[in-house]
Amino acid sequence: MNFTNGNNNNGYNNGYNNGYNNGYNNGNTQFNQSMFNNGGQNYNGYNNGFNNGFNYNNNYNQSRPNTAQASFMDSFANPRVKGLSKHIGEASDSGVSTFGGIAAKTVYLVLVFALGLAAFFYLHYYFGKTGTADGQLLYPQEYPILVGAAILALVSGLVTAFAPRTTAFFGTIYCVCMGYMVTWTSYTYAAQYKGIVYEALGLTLLIIGVLTVLYSKGVIRVTGRFRKVVYTTLIVSVLGGLIFALMAWLAPNSGIVSAIIKVNNGPIGIVFAVLGVMLASAVLTCDFDNAAKTVEMGLPKTYEWAASFGLVTGVIYLYLKVLQLLARIQNNK
């Protein structure tokens, strides 16, 4: 008799089959040879062999790792969540992550983002009332605030990426600063293109709705390779943007900077902007999957912050890419 089922259960099968077959065959042979004398003892040999194999299986199942959980968590290319595999099943006084907890923390971060939005309009109105620079799109006093917000957003974003347990604090700082900066960006775009902010908001919500349906229906599947490609492309895109910004700051009139600006304002720029929206959509899909797996893997409740933070930052990134796409389309009309 053979109960072999696959490579993953070699420990089980070896213990089970060897113990079962040896006990069964020896007991059966000797039982036939000496039915009345030794049958009971050999039947016990069969039982012992069977039980040894069964107990070996139990010990093996308890000791071997959950390969589904390990393979998923190890496939993360995002440093913010790559090391979470060691926290699966970790004891927590507050319990494990839930979808309700992630939703509540997402709402909190959205409200914090809205606080940054309100801060921009309040300060802009306040500086405008002083009359020191009437009629300007942005007042001189606002630029130091923008620089400070950008630095705080960068630092807090990096901290949350490598220390997910700090997301409750640094994620709050990040969302306030990004609320201020995104509002400033939208304000400057709105001054140049009428109605573009409302169009960007509507298109962003539409994309989020489509992605949610496709992911929930299983049409889009987030695999380890998918994550690596998305996050690698994201890193290259961000680094490229930073290099261009540095070049534009140090040598704004250089030929390279002028050529890049000319390309971005042309039809090729629209193609790059479409690719940017596609990348942002892929990033947000990964954030959906991160949130789902945070609950499915039973991570401690503190990691709800990391999941909700990923969702909020994904939506912000998507909105900015949509805004950029619509602006380039307007430039080419």
Protein backbone atom coordinates (compact mmCIF):
# COMPACT_ATOMS: atom_id res chain seq x y z
CA MET A 1 0.00 0.00 0.00
CA ASN A 2 1.31 3.49 -0.91
CA PHE A 3 -0.04 6.80 0.35
CA THR A 4 2.47 9.12 -1.39
CA ASN A 5 0.83 12.44 -2.39
CA GLY A 6 3.65 14.87 -3.30
CA ASN A 7 7.01 16.32 -2.51
CA ASN A 8 5.69 18.75 0.08
CA ASN A 9 4.61 15.89 2.33
CA ASN A 10 7.76 13.71 2.19
CA GLY A 11 8.15 13.80 5.95
CA TYR A 12 4.58 12.71 6.42
CA ASN A 13 4.68 10.03 3.73
CA ASN A 14 7.98 8.49 4.85
CA GLY A 15 6.86 8.23 8.44
CA TYR A 16 3.34 7.18 7.58
CA ASN A 17 4.14 4.64 4.83
CA ASN A 18 7.15 3.06 6.52
CA GLY A 19 5.40 2.71 9.83
CA TYR A 20 2.12 1.64 8.33
CA ASN A 21 3.51 -0.82 5.78
CA ASN A 22 6.09 -2.39 8.08
CA GLY A 23 3.62 -2.80 10.89
CA TYR A 24 0.87 -4.00 8.60
CA ASN A 25 2.95 -6.46 6.55
CA ASN A 26 4.85 -7.92 9.47
CA GLY A 27 1.73 -8.24 11.52
CA ASN A 28 -0.23 -9.78 8.67
CA THR A 29 2.50 -12.32 7.76
CA GLN A 30 3.07 -13.44 11.31
CA PHE A 31 -0.63 -13.45 11.95
CA ASN A 32 -1.12 -15.96 9.15
CA GLN A 33 1.80 -18.09 10.39
CA SER A 34 0.64 -18.19 13.96
CA MET A 35 -2.96 -17.09 14.04
CA PHE A 36 -3.78 -18.16 17.53
CA ASN A 37 -0.46 -17.55 19.25
CA ASN A 38 0.93 -14.27 18.04
CA GLY A 39 -1.86 -12.63 16.13
CA GLY A 40 -2.81 -10.22 18.88
CA GLN A 41 0.76 -9.12 19.43
CA ASN A 42 1.38 -8.54 15.74
CA TYR A 43 -1.86 -6.68 15.34
CA ASN A 44 -0.51 -4.39 18.03
CA GLY A 45 2.63 -4.00 15.86
CA TYR A 46 0.41 -2.85 13.04
CA ASN A 47 -1.32 -0.34 15.32
CA ASN A 48 1.96 0.96 16.66
CA GLY A 49 3.30 1.45 13.15
CA PHE A 50 0.15 3.25 12.07
CA ASN A 51 0.15 5.49 15.13
CA ASN A 52 3.85 6.31 14.74
CA GLY A 53 3.25 7.41 11.19
CA PHE A 54 0.23 9.46 12.23
CA ASN A 55 2.11 11.17 15.07
CA TYR A 56 5.03 11.91 12.75
CA ASN A 57 2.59 13.64 10.43
CA ASN A 58 1.22 15.80 13.24
CA ASN A 59 4.69 16.86 14.36
CA TYR A 60 5.69 17.61 10.78
CA ASN A 61 2.62 19.77 10.14
CA GLN A 62 3.23 21.74 13.32
CA SER A 63 6.88 22.36 12.53
CA ARG A 64 6.81 23.14 8.78
CA PRO A 65 6.18 26.80 7.78
CA ASN A 66 3.06 28.02 6.05
CA THR A 67 4.46 28.18 2.51
CA ALA A 68 1.55 30.26 1.17
CA GLN A 69 2.10 32.97 3.76
CA ALA A 70 5.88 32.93 3.44
CA SER A 71 5.88 33.08 -0.34
CA PHE A 72 3.44 35.99 -0.35
CA MET A 73 5.23 38.09 2.23
CA ASP A 74 8.68 37.40 0.81
CA SER A 75 7.51 38.51 -2.64
CA PHE A 76 6.98 42.08 -1.45
CA ALA A 77 9.38 44.43 -3.22
CA ASN A 78 8.16 47.42 -1.21
CA PRO A 79 10.47 47.93 1.81
CA ARG A 80 7.50 49.23 3.80
CA VAL A 81 5.97 45.74 3.89
CA LYS A 82 8.75 43.40 2.75
CA GLY A 83 9.74 42.39 6.29
CA LEU A 84 6.24 41.75 7.59
CA SER A 85 6.51 37.97 7.18
CA LYS A 86 8.13 37.64 10.61
CA HIS A 87 5.06 39.24 12.19
CA ILE A 88 2.55 36.66 10.90
CA GLY A 89 0.76 35.19 13.89
CA GLU A 90 2.53 37.57 16.24
CA ALA A 91 0.73 38.03 19.53
CA SER A 92 -0.89 41.41 20.04
CA ASP A 93 -2.90 42.74 22.95
CA SER A 94 -5.07 44.73 20.55
CA GLY A 95 -5.86 41.74 18.34
CA VAL A 96 -5.33 41.16 14.62
CA SER A 97 -5.99 43.39 11.63
CA THR A 98 -9.52 43.68 10.23
CA PHE A 99 -11.03 45.35 7.19
CA GLY A 100 -13.10 47.57 9.48
CA GLY A 101 -9.97 48.75 11.26
CA ILE A 102 -8.23 49.53 7.98
CA ALA A 103 -11.28 51.45 6.75
CA ALA A 104 -11.45 53.51 9.94
CA LYS A 105 -7.77 54.43 9.78
CA THR A 106 -8.09 55.27 6.09
CA VAL A 107 -10.90 57.70 6.90
CA TYR A 108 -8.72 59.24 9.63
CA LEU A 109 -5.81 59.80 7.23
CA VAL A 110 -8.16 61.30 4.63
CA LEU A 111 -9.43 63.75 7.25
CA VAL A 112 -5.84 64.63 8.18
CA PHE A 113 -5.14 65.21 4.49
CA ALA A 114 -8.18 67.51 4.38
CA LEU A 115 -6.68 69.41 7.33
CA GLY A 116 -3.62 70.16 5.21
CA LEU A 117 -5.91 71.28 2.39
CA ALA A 118 -7.73 73.67 4.72
CA ALA A 119 -4.40 74.98 6.04
CA PHE A 120 -3.34 76.01 2.53
CA PHE A 121 -6.47 78.05 1.86
CA TYR A 122 -6.41 79.62 5.32
CA LEU A 123 -2.77 80.71 5.02
CA HIS A 124 -3.23 81.85 1.43
CA TYR A 125 -6.20 83.98 2.47
CA TYR A 126 -4.30 85.30 5.50
CA PHE A 127 -1.25 86.35 3.50
CA GLY A 128 -3.50 87.89 0.86
CA LYS A 129 -5.24 90.05 3.48
CA THR A 130 -1.96 91.62 4.52
CA GLY A 131 -1.78 93.32 1.11
CA THR A 132 1.97 92.78 0.84
CA ALA A 133 1.70 91.06 -2.54
CA ASP A 134 -1.84 91.47 -3.80
CA GLY A 135 -2.87 89.73 -6.98
CA GLN A 136 -0.13 87.09 -6.96
CA LEU A 137 -0.89 83.43 -7.44
CA LEU A 138 1.31 82.55 -4.48
CA TYR A 139 2.66 84.96 -1.91
CA PRO A 140 6.34 85.05 -0.89
CA GLN A 141 5.50 83.89 2.64
CA GLU A 142 4.08 80.64 1.27
CA TYR A 143 7.26 79.34 -0.34
CA PRO A 144 9.10 78.56 2.94
CA ILE A 145 6.00 76.66 4.10
CA LEU A 146 5.97 74.66 0.87
CA VAL A 147 9.64 73.77 1.23
CA GLY A 148 9.14 72.76 4.85
CA ALA A 149 6.10 70.64 3.97
CA ALA A 150 8.05 68.92 1.18
CA ILE A 151 10.95 68.07 3.51
CA LEU A 152 8.63 66.77 6.24
CA ALA A 153 6.67 64.69 3.73
CA LEU A 154 9.86 63.15 2.35
CA VAL A 155 11.31 62.31 5.77
CA SER A 156 8.07 60.97 7.24
CA GLY A 157 7.40 58.91 4.09
CA LEU A 158 10.83 57.27 4.33
CA VAL A 159 10.38 56.54 8.03
CA THR A 160 7.03 54.82 7.46
CA ALA A 161 8.55 52.83 4.58
CA PHE A 162 11.21 51.22 6.76
CA ALA A 163 9.41 51.28 10.13
CA PRO A 164 5.72 50.35 9.58
CA ARG A 165 4.99 50.48 13.32
CA THR A 166 5.56 54.26 13.27
CA THR A 167 2.95 54.87 10.58
CA ALA A 168 0.32 56.16 13.00
CA PHE A 169 2.54 59.14 13.89
CA PHE A 170 4.63 59.76 10.78
CA GLY A 171 1.76 58.86 8.46
CA THR A 172 -0.26 61.65 10.06
CA ILE A 173 2.55 64.14 9.45
CA TYR A 174 2.90 62.93 5.87
CA CYS A 175 -0.80 63.32 5.09
CA VAL A 176 -0.97 66.85 6.56
CA CYS A 177 2.04 67.94 4.50
CA MET A 178 0.77 66.24 1.34
CA GLY A 179 -2.64 67.83 1.85
CA TYR A 180 -0.96 71.24 1.79
CA MET A 181 1.28 70.42 -1.19
CA VAL A 182 -1.38 68.71 -3.31
CA THR A 183 -3.73 71.66 -2.75
CA TRP A 184 -0.96 74.05 -3.83
CA THR A 185 -0.38 71.93 -6.96
CA SER A 186 -4.10 71.81 -7.76
CA TYR A 187 -4.40 75.55 -7.15
CA THR A 188 -1.64 76.37 -9.64
CA TYR A 189 -3.07 73.99 -12.25
CA ALA A 190 -6.58 75.42 -11.77
CA ALA A 191 -5.28 78.94 -12.40
CA GLN A 192 -3.95 77.83 -15.77
CA TYR A 193 -6.60 75.30 -16.89
CA LYS A 194 -10.23 75.98 -16.09
CA GLY A 195 -12.09 73.07 -14.49
CA ILE A 196 -9.09 70.72 -14.57
CA VAL A 197 -9.23 69.92 -10.86
CA TYR A 198 -12.84 68.73 -11.02
CA GLU A 199 -12.06 66.66 -14.10
CA ALA A 200 -9.05 65.11 -12.37
CA LEU A 201 -11.08 64.28 -9.27
CA GLY A 202 -13.85 62.69 -11.32
CA LEU A 203 -11.45 60.62 -13.44
CA THR A 204 -9.51 59.52 -10.37
CA LEU A 205 -12.67 58.29 -8.64
CA LEU A 206 -13.69 56.47 -11.83
CA ILE A 207 -10.34 54.69 -12.06
CA ILE A 208 -10.51 53.73 -8.37
CA GLY A 209 -13.98 52.27 -8.89
CA VAL A 210 -12.89 50.24 -11.92
CA LEU A 211 -9.78 48.95 -10.15
CA THR A 212 -11.82 47.95 -7.10
CA VAL A 213 -14.26 45.93 -9.21
CA LEU A 214 -11.52 44.27 -11.27
CA TYR A 215 -9.50 43.33 -8.18
CA SER A 216 -12.49 42.07 -6.21
CA LYS A 217 -13.61 39.92 -9.17
CA GLY A 218 -10.14 38.44 -9.54
CA VAL A 219 -9.61 39.90 -13.01
CA ILE A 220 -6.42 41.57 -11.76
CA ARG A 221 -4.14 39.25 -9.80
CA VAL A 222 -1.22 40.66 -7.83
CA THR A 223 1.69 38.22 -8.01
CA GLY A 224 5.23 38.52 -6.72
CA ARG A 225 6.55 39.29 -10.20
CA PHE A 226 3.83 41.91 -10.72
CA ARG A 227 4.88 43.65 -7.50
CA LYS A 228 8.55 43.67 -8.40
CA VAL A 229 7.90 45.13 -11.84
CA VAL A 230 5.55 47.80 -10.46
CA TYR A 231 7.75 48.92 -7.58
CA THR A 232 10.93 48.85 -9.66
CA THR A 233 9.26 51.01 -12.31
CA LEU A 234 7.98 53.34 -9.60
CA ILE A 235 11.46 53.78 -8.11
CA VAL A 236 12.96 54.48 -11.54
CA SER A 237 10.19 57.00 -12.26
CA VAL A 238 10.66 58.83 -8.95
CA LEU A 239 14.44 58.93 -9.33
CA GLY A 240 14.09 60.24 -12.87
CA GLY A 241 11.78 63.00 -11.68
CA LEU A 242 14.17 63.99 -8.90
CA ILE A 243 17.12 64.11 -11.30
CA PHE A 244 15.17 66.30 -13.72
CA ALA A 245 14.08 68.62 -10.90
CA LEU A 246 17.70 68.96 -9.77
CA MET A 247 18.85 69.69 -13.31
CA ALA A 248 16.08 72.27 -13.79
CA TRP A 249 17.10 73.96 -10.54
CA LEU A 250 20.84 74.02 -11.23
CA ALA A 251 20.73 74.71 -14.98
CA PRO A 252 17.23 75.83 -15.99
CA ASN A 253 18.38 77.16 -19.36
CA SER A 254 20.43 74.13 -20.40
CA GLY A 255 19.73 72.34 -23.66
CA ILE A 256 18.83 69.07 -21.95
CA VAL A 257 16.25 70.69 -19.68
CA SER A 258 14.73 72.62 -22.57
CA ALA A 259 14.54 69.47 -24.71
CA ILE A 260 12.83 67.48 -21.94
CA ILE A 261 10.30 70.26 -21.35
CA LYS A 262 9.59 70.45 -25.10
CA VAL A 263 9.02 66.68 -25.30
CA ASN A 264 6.75 66.69 -22.23
CA ASN A 265 4.61 69.44 -23.71
CA GLY A 266 4.17 67.58 -26.99
CA PRO A 267 2.30 64.41 -28.05
CA ILE A 268 5.04 62.19 -26.64
CA GLY A 269 4.47 63.85 -23.29
CA ILE A 270 0.86 62.66 -23.40
CA VAL A 271 2.05 59.09 -23.97
CA PHE A 272 4.38 59.33 -20.96
CA ALA A 273 1.53 60.80 -18.89
CA VAL A 274 -0.76 57.89 -19.85
CA LEU A 275 1.98 55.47 -18.79
CA GLY A 276 2.23 57.40 -15.53
CA VAL A 277 -1.50 56.94 -14.88
CA MET A 278 -1.16 53.22 -15.65
CA LEU A 279 1.77 52.93 -13.22
CA ALA A 280 -0.18 54.76 -10.50
CA SER A 281 -3.14 52.43 -11.09
CA ALA A 282 -0.87 49.39 -10.73
CA VAL A 283 0.59 50.80 -7.51
CA LEU A 284 -2.91 51.33 -6.10
CA THR A 285 -3.84 47.76 -7.04
CA CYS A 286 -0.84 46.53 -5.05
CA ASP A 287 -2.07 48.66 -2.14
CA PHE A 288 -5.48 46.94 -2.39
CA ASP A 289 -3.73 43.58 -2.20
CA ASN A 290 -1.52 44.71 0.69
CA ALA A 291 -4.62 45.64 2.68
CA ALA A 292 -6.35 42.36 1.87
CA LYS A 293 -3.32 40.23 2.75
CA THR A 294 -2.72 42.18 5.97
CA VAL A 295 -6.08 40.84 7.15
CA GLU A 296 -5.77 37.37 5.60
CA MET A 297 -2.33 36.77 7.10
CA GLY A 298 -3.53 37.80 10.57
CA LEU A 299 -0.99 40.56 11.13
CA PRO A 300 -1.20 42.50 14.42
CA LYS A 301 -3.68 45.38 14.51
CA THR A 302 -0.91 47.98 14.41
CA TYR A 303 -0.28 47.06 10.77
CA GLU A 304 -3.69 48.39 9.82
CA TRP A 305 -1.94 51.77 9.76
CA ALA A 306 0.53 50.59 7.12
CA ALA A 307 -2.28 49.21 4.95
CA SER A 308 -4.42 52.36 5.20
CA PHE A 309 -1.40 54.60 4.64
CA GLY A 310 -0.62 52.70 1.45
CA LEU A 311 -4.17 53.18 0.18
CA VAL A 312 -4.15 56.93 0.85
CA THR A 313 -0.73 57.51 -0.71
CA GLY A 314 -1.75 55.40 -3.71
CA VAL A 315 -4.83 57.54 -4.30
CA ILE A 316 -2.80 60.76 -3.96
CA TYR A 317 -0.24 59.52 -6.47
CA LEU A 318 -2.97 58.52 -8.92
CA TYR A 319 -4.68 61.93 -8.65
CA LEU A 320 -1.43 63.79 -9.34
CA LYS A 321 -0.75 61.62 -12.41
CA VAL A 322 -4.27 62.17 -13.72
CA LEU A 323 -3.87 65.92 -13.17
CA GLN A 324 -0.61 65.85 -15.11
CA LEU A 325 -2.21 63.92 -17.98
CA LEU A 326 -5.13 66.34 -18.31
CA ALA A 327 -2.75 69.33 -18.26
CA ARG A 328 -0.68 67.88 -21.09
CA ILE A 329 -3.79 67.17 -23.12
CA GLN A 330 -4.85 70.79 -22.64
CA ASN A 331 -1.40 71.97 -23.79
CA ASN A 332 -1.74 70.07 -27.05
CA LYS A 333 -5.16 71.39 -28.01
